[in-house]
N, C-alpha and C. Protein backbone atom coordinates (compact mmCIF):
# COMPACT_ATOMS: atom_id res chain seq x y z
N MET A 1 102.17 118.95 88.98
CA MET A 1 103.52 118.43 88.83
C MET A 1 103.56 117.28 87.82
N GLN A 2 102.39 116.80 87.42
CA GLN A 2 102.37 115.72 86.43
C GLN A 2 103.00 116.17 85.12
N GLU A 3 102.71 117.39 84.71
CA GLU A 3 103.26 117.89 83.46
C GLU A 3 104.78 118.03 83.55
N LEU A 4 105.27 118.47 84.68
CA LEU A 4 106.71 118.58 84.88
C LEU A 4 107.36 117.20 84.84
N ASP A 5 106.75 116.23 85.49
CA ASP A 5 107.26 114.86 85.46
C ASP A 5 107.31 114.35 84.02
N LYS A 6 106.25 114.59 83.28
CA LYS A 6 106.18 114.18 81.86
C LYS A 6 107.30 114.83 81.05
N ARG A 7 107.52 116.11 81.25
CA ARG A 7 108.56 116.83 80.50
C ARG A 7 109.96 116.29 80.81
N LEU A 8 110.22 116.00 82.09
CA LEU A 8 111.53 115.45 82.44
C LEU A 8 111.75 114.12 81.73
N ARG A 9 110.73 113.30 81.70
CA ARG A 9 110.83 111.99 81.04
C ARG A 9 111.01 112.14 79.53
N GLU A 10 110.20 113.01 78.91
CA GLU A 10 110.28 113.21 77.46
C GLU A 10 111.63 113.77 77.02
N GLN A 11 112.20 114.62 77.86
CA GLN A 11 113.48 115.25 77.52
C GLN A 11 114.67 114.44 78.01
N HIS A 12 114.39 113.25 78.55
CA HIS A 12 115.43 112.33 79.04
C HIS A 12 116.38 113.01 80.03
N LEU A 13 115.77 113.81 80.91
CA LEU A 13 116.55 114.49 81.96
C LEU A 13 116.65 113.60 83.18
N PRO A 14 117.69 113.77 83.96
CA PRO A 14 117.80 113.01 85.21
C PRO A 14 116.63 113.34 86.14
N ALA A 15 116.29 112.40 86.97
CA ALA A 15 115.20 112.62 87.94
C ALA A 15 115.56 113.76 88.88
N LEU A 16 114.52 114.43 89.36
CA LEU A 16 114.67 115.57 90.25
C LEU A 16 113.77 115.35 91.46
N ARG A 17 114.35 115.51 92.64
CA ARG A 17 113.55 115.45 93.88
C ARG A 17 113.13 116.89 94.21
N ILE A 18 111.85 117.06 94.45
CA ILE A 18 111.34 118.36 94.89
C ILE A 18 110.81 118.18 96.30
N THR A 19 111.37 118.95 97.22
CA THR A 19 110.95 118.90 98.62
C THR A 19 110.12 120.14 98.92
N LEU A 20 108.85 119.90 99.25
CA LEU A 20 107.92 120.97 99.59
C LEU A 20 107.55 120.86 101.06
N GLU A 21 106.78 121.80 101.53
CA GLU A 21 106.40 121.81 102.94
C GLU A 21 105.60 120.59 103.36
N HIS A 22 104.98 119.90 102.41
CA HIS A 22 104.17 118.73 102.75
C HIS A 22 104.79 117.41 102.29
N GLY A 23 106.07 117.42 101.90
CA GLY A 23 106.75 116.18 101.57
C GLY A 23 107.57 116.25 100.30
N ASP A 24 108.16 115.12 99.96
CA ASP A 24 109.03 115.01 98.78
C ASP A 24 108.27 114.37 97.63
N ARG A 25 108.71 114.73 96.44
CA ARG A 25 108.19 114.09 95.23
C ARG A 25 109.37 113.92 94.28
N ILE A 26 109.51 112.74 93.71
CA ILE A 26 110.56 112.51 92.71
C ILE A 26 109.90 112.55 91.34
N LEU A 27 110.44 113.41 90.48
CA LEU A 27 109.93 113.57 89.13
C LEU A 27 110.96 113.03 88.16
N GLY A 28 110.50 112.39 87.10
CA GLY A 28 111.41 111.78 86.14
C GLY A 28 111.70 110.35 86.53
N GLU A 29 112.59 109.75 85.77
CA GLU A 29 112.93 108.34 85.97
C GLU A 29 114.28 108.18 86.66
N GLY A 30 114.35 107.19 87.54
CA GLY A 30 115.62 106.84 88.17
C GLY A 30 115.86 107.55 89.48
N GLU A 31 117.08 107.41 89.93
CA GLU A 31 117.53 108.03 91.17
C GLU A 31 117.70 109.54 90.93
N PRO A 32 117.19 110.39 91.82
CA PRO A 32 117.33 111.84 91.63
C PRO A 32 118.79 112.29 91.58
N SER A 33 119.07 113.19 90.64
CA SER A 33 120.41 113.76 90.51
C SER A 33 120.54 115.08 91.25
N ALA A 34 119.40 115.62 91.69
CA ALA A 34 119.41 116.90 92.41
C ALA A 34 118.13 117.00 93.23
N THR A 35 118.18 117.92 94.18
CA THR A 35 117.00 118.23 94.99
C THR A 35 116.77 119.73 94.97
N LEU A 36 115.51 120.10 94.79
CA LEU A 36 115.08 121.48 94.91
C LEU A 36 114.19 121.55 96.14
N ARG A 37 114.59 122.39 97.10
CA ARG A 37 113.79 122.60 98.31
C ARG A 37 113.13 123.97 98.19
N THR A 38 111.79 123.97 98.22
CA THR A 38 111.07 125.22 98.06
C THR A 38 109.67 125.08 98.62
N SER A 39 108.91 126.14 98.55
CA SER A 39 107.51 126.10 98.97
C SER A 39 106.63 125.84 97.75
N SER A 40 105.43 125.39 97.99
CA SER A 40 104.48 125.19 96.90
C SER A 40 104.24 126.49 96.15
N PHE A 41 104.16 127.59 96.89
CA PHE A 41 103.96 128.91 96.29
C PHE A 41 105.07 129.23 95.29
N GLU A 42 106.32 129.11 95.72
CA GLU A 42 107.45 129.44 94.84
C GLU A 42 107.57 128.48 93.67
N LEU A 43 107.29 127.21 93.89
CA LEU A 43 107.34 126.25 92.79
C LEU A 43 106.31 126.60 91.72
N MET A 44 105.10 126.92 92.13
CA MET A 44 104.06 127.28 91.16
C MET A 44 104.41 128.57 90.43
N ARG A 45 105.06 129.50 91.12
CA ARG A 45 105.47 130.73 90.46
C ARG A 45 106.56 130.45 89.42
N ALA A 46 107.48 129.56 89.75
CA ALA A 46 108.54 129.21 88.80
C ALA A 46 107.96 128.49 87.58
N ILE A 47 107.11 127.50 87.82
CA ILE A 47 106.50 126.75 86.73
C ILE A 47 105.61 127.64 85.87
N GLY A 48 104.92 128.56 86.53
CA GLY A 48 103.97 129.42 85.83
C GLY A 48 104.57 130.60 85.10
N GLY A 49 105.89 130.74 85.13
CA GLY A 49 106.52 131.82 84.38
C GLY A 49 106.62 133.13 85.13
N ARG A 50 106.36 133.12 86.43
CA ARG A 50 106.40 134.36 87.21
C ARG A 50 107.74 134.57 87.92
N ARG A 51 108.71 133.74 87.61
CA ARG A 51 110.05 133.89 88.17
C ARG A 51 111.06 133.93 87.02
N SER A 52 112.04 134.80 87.16
CA SER A 52 113.10 134.89 86.15
C SER A 52 114.06 133.72 86.34
N GLU A 53 114.89 133.51 85.34
CA GLU A 53 115.89 132.44 85.45
C GLU A 53 116.78 132.65 86.66
N SER A 54 117.19 133.89 86.91
CA SER A 54 118.07 134.13 88.07
C SER A 54 117.35 133.84 89.38
N GLN A 55 116.05 134.12 89.45
CA GLN A 55 115.30 133.80 90.66
C GLN A 55 115.20 132.28 90.86
N ILE A 56 114.99 131.56 89.78
CA ILE A 56 114.91 130.10 89.89
C ILE A 56 116.27 129.53 90.28
N ARG A 57 117.32 130.04 89.68
CA ARG A 57 118.67 129.57 90.03
C ARG A 57 119.02 129.83 91.49
N SER A 58 118.47 130.89 92.06
CA SER A 58 118.79 131.24 93.44
C SER A 58 117.95 130.46 94.46
N MET A 59 117.05 129.62 93.99
CA MET A 59 116.28 128.78 94.90
C MET A 59 117.22 127.76 95.54
N ASP A 60 116.73 127.02 96.51
CA ASP A 60 117.56 126.10 97.30
C ASP A 60 117.79 124.78 96.55
N TRP A 61 118.74 124.79 95.63
CA TRP A 61 119.15 123.62 94.86
C TRP A 61 120.39 123.00 95.51
N ASP A 62 120.54 121.69 95.42
CA ASP A 62 121.78 121.08 95.91
C ASP A 62 122.71 120.71 94.75
N ALA A 63 122.36 121.16 93.54
CA ALA A 63 123.19 120.94 92.34
C ALA A 63 122.89 122.08 91.36
N ASP A 64 123.69 122.19 90.35
CA ASP A 64 123.48 123.20 89.32
C ASP A 64 122.15 122.89 88.60
N PRO A 65 121.19 123.82 88.57
CA PRO A 65 119.87 123.54 87.99
C PRO A 65 119.78 123.71 86.48
N THR A 66 120.86 124.06 85.81
CA THR A 66 120.83 124.41 84.40
C THR A 66 120.07 123.40 83.54
N ARG A 67 120.33 122.13 83.72
CA ARG A 67 119.71 121.13 82.84
C ARG A 67 118.21 121.03 83.01
N TRP A 68 117.68 121.39 84.18
CA TRP A 68 116.24 121.28 84.43
C TRP A 68 115.46 122.55 84.11
N LEU A 69 116.14 123.67 83.91
CA LEU A 69 115.45 124.94 83.70
C LEU A 69 114.46 124.93 82.54
N PRO A 70 114.82 124.44 81.36
CA PRO A 70 113.83 124.46 80.26
C PRO A 70 112.57 123.66 80.58
N ALA A 71 112.71 122.54 81.25
CA ALA A 71 111.55 121.72 81.59
C ALA A 71 110.74 122.35 82.71
N LEU A 72 111.41 123.00 83.65
CA LEU A 72 110.75 123.58 84.81
C LEU A 72 109.88 124.78 84.43
N ARG A 73 110.30 125.52 83.46
CA ARG A 73 109.58 126.74 83.07
C ARG A 73 108.52 126.37 82.03
N LEU A 74 107.42 125.79 82.49
CA LEU A 74 106.37 125.28 81.61
C LEU A 74 105.76 126.37 80.73
N PHE A 75 105.67 127.57 81.23
CA PHE A 75 105.01 128.65 80.50
C PHE A 75 105.98 129.78 80.19
N GLY A 76 107.22 129.42 79.90
CA GLY A 76 108.23 130.44 79.63
C GLY A 76 108.73 131.05 80.91
N GLY A 77 109.24 132.23 80.82
CA GLY A 77 109.77 132.87 82.01
C GLY A 77 109.89 134.36 81.82
N ARG A 78 110.19 135.02 82.89
CA ARG A 78 110.37 136.46 82.87
C ARG A 78 111.83 136.81 82.57
N GLU A 79 112.01 137.93 81.94
CA GLU A 79 113.36 138.43 81.70
C GLU A 79 113.89 139.14 82.95
N THR A 80 113.00 139.80 83.67
CA THR A 80 113.39 140.53 84.88
C THR A 80 112.70 139.91 86.09
N ALA A 81 113.32 140.07 87.23
CA ALA A 81 112.79 139.50 88.46
C ALA A 81 111.47 140.16 88.85
N LEU A 82 110.55 139.35 89.31
CA LEU A 82 109.28 139.82 89.85
C LEU A 82 109.24 139.46 91.32
N VAL A 83 109.04 140.46 92.16
CA VAL A 83 108.97 140.21 93.60
C VAL A 83 107.53 140.37 94.02
N GLU A 84 106.98 139.32 94.62
CA GLU A 84 105.58 139.35 95.06
C GLU A 84 105.52 139.30 96.56
């Protein structure tokens, strides 16, 4: 998640709270503008490019995730949904 934190800061994006099964982490600077609740498995799949944009958007966000999508997809993304 260090790389994701770095990308949020470099791109001057609002902070993002990520809630996983083992606790919360705030990435970026300042007060979080949104929260993503997910599992470590799904977060790594999203970051690793194994989830399509629509799959990431359908995750448990409490705000529109559009602004964070480019930073979240560290290794690009899939055009079609992959179900594992």
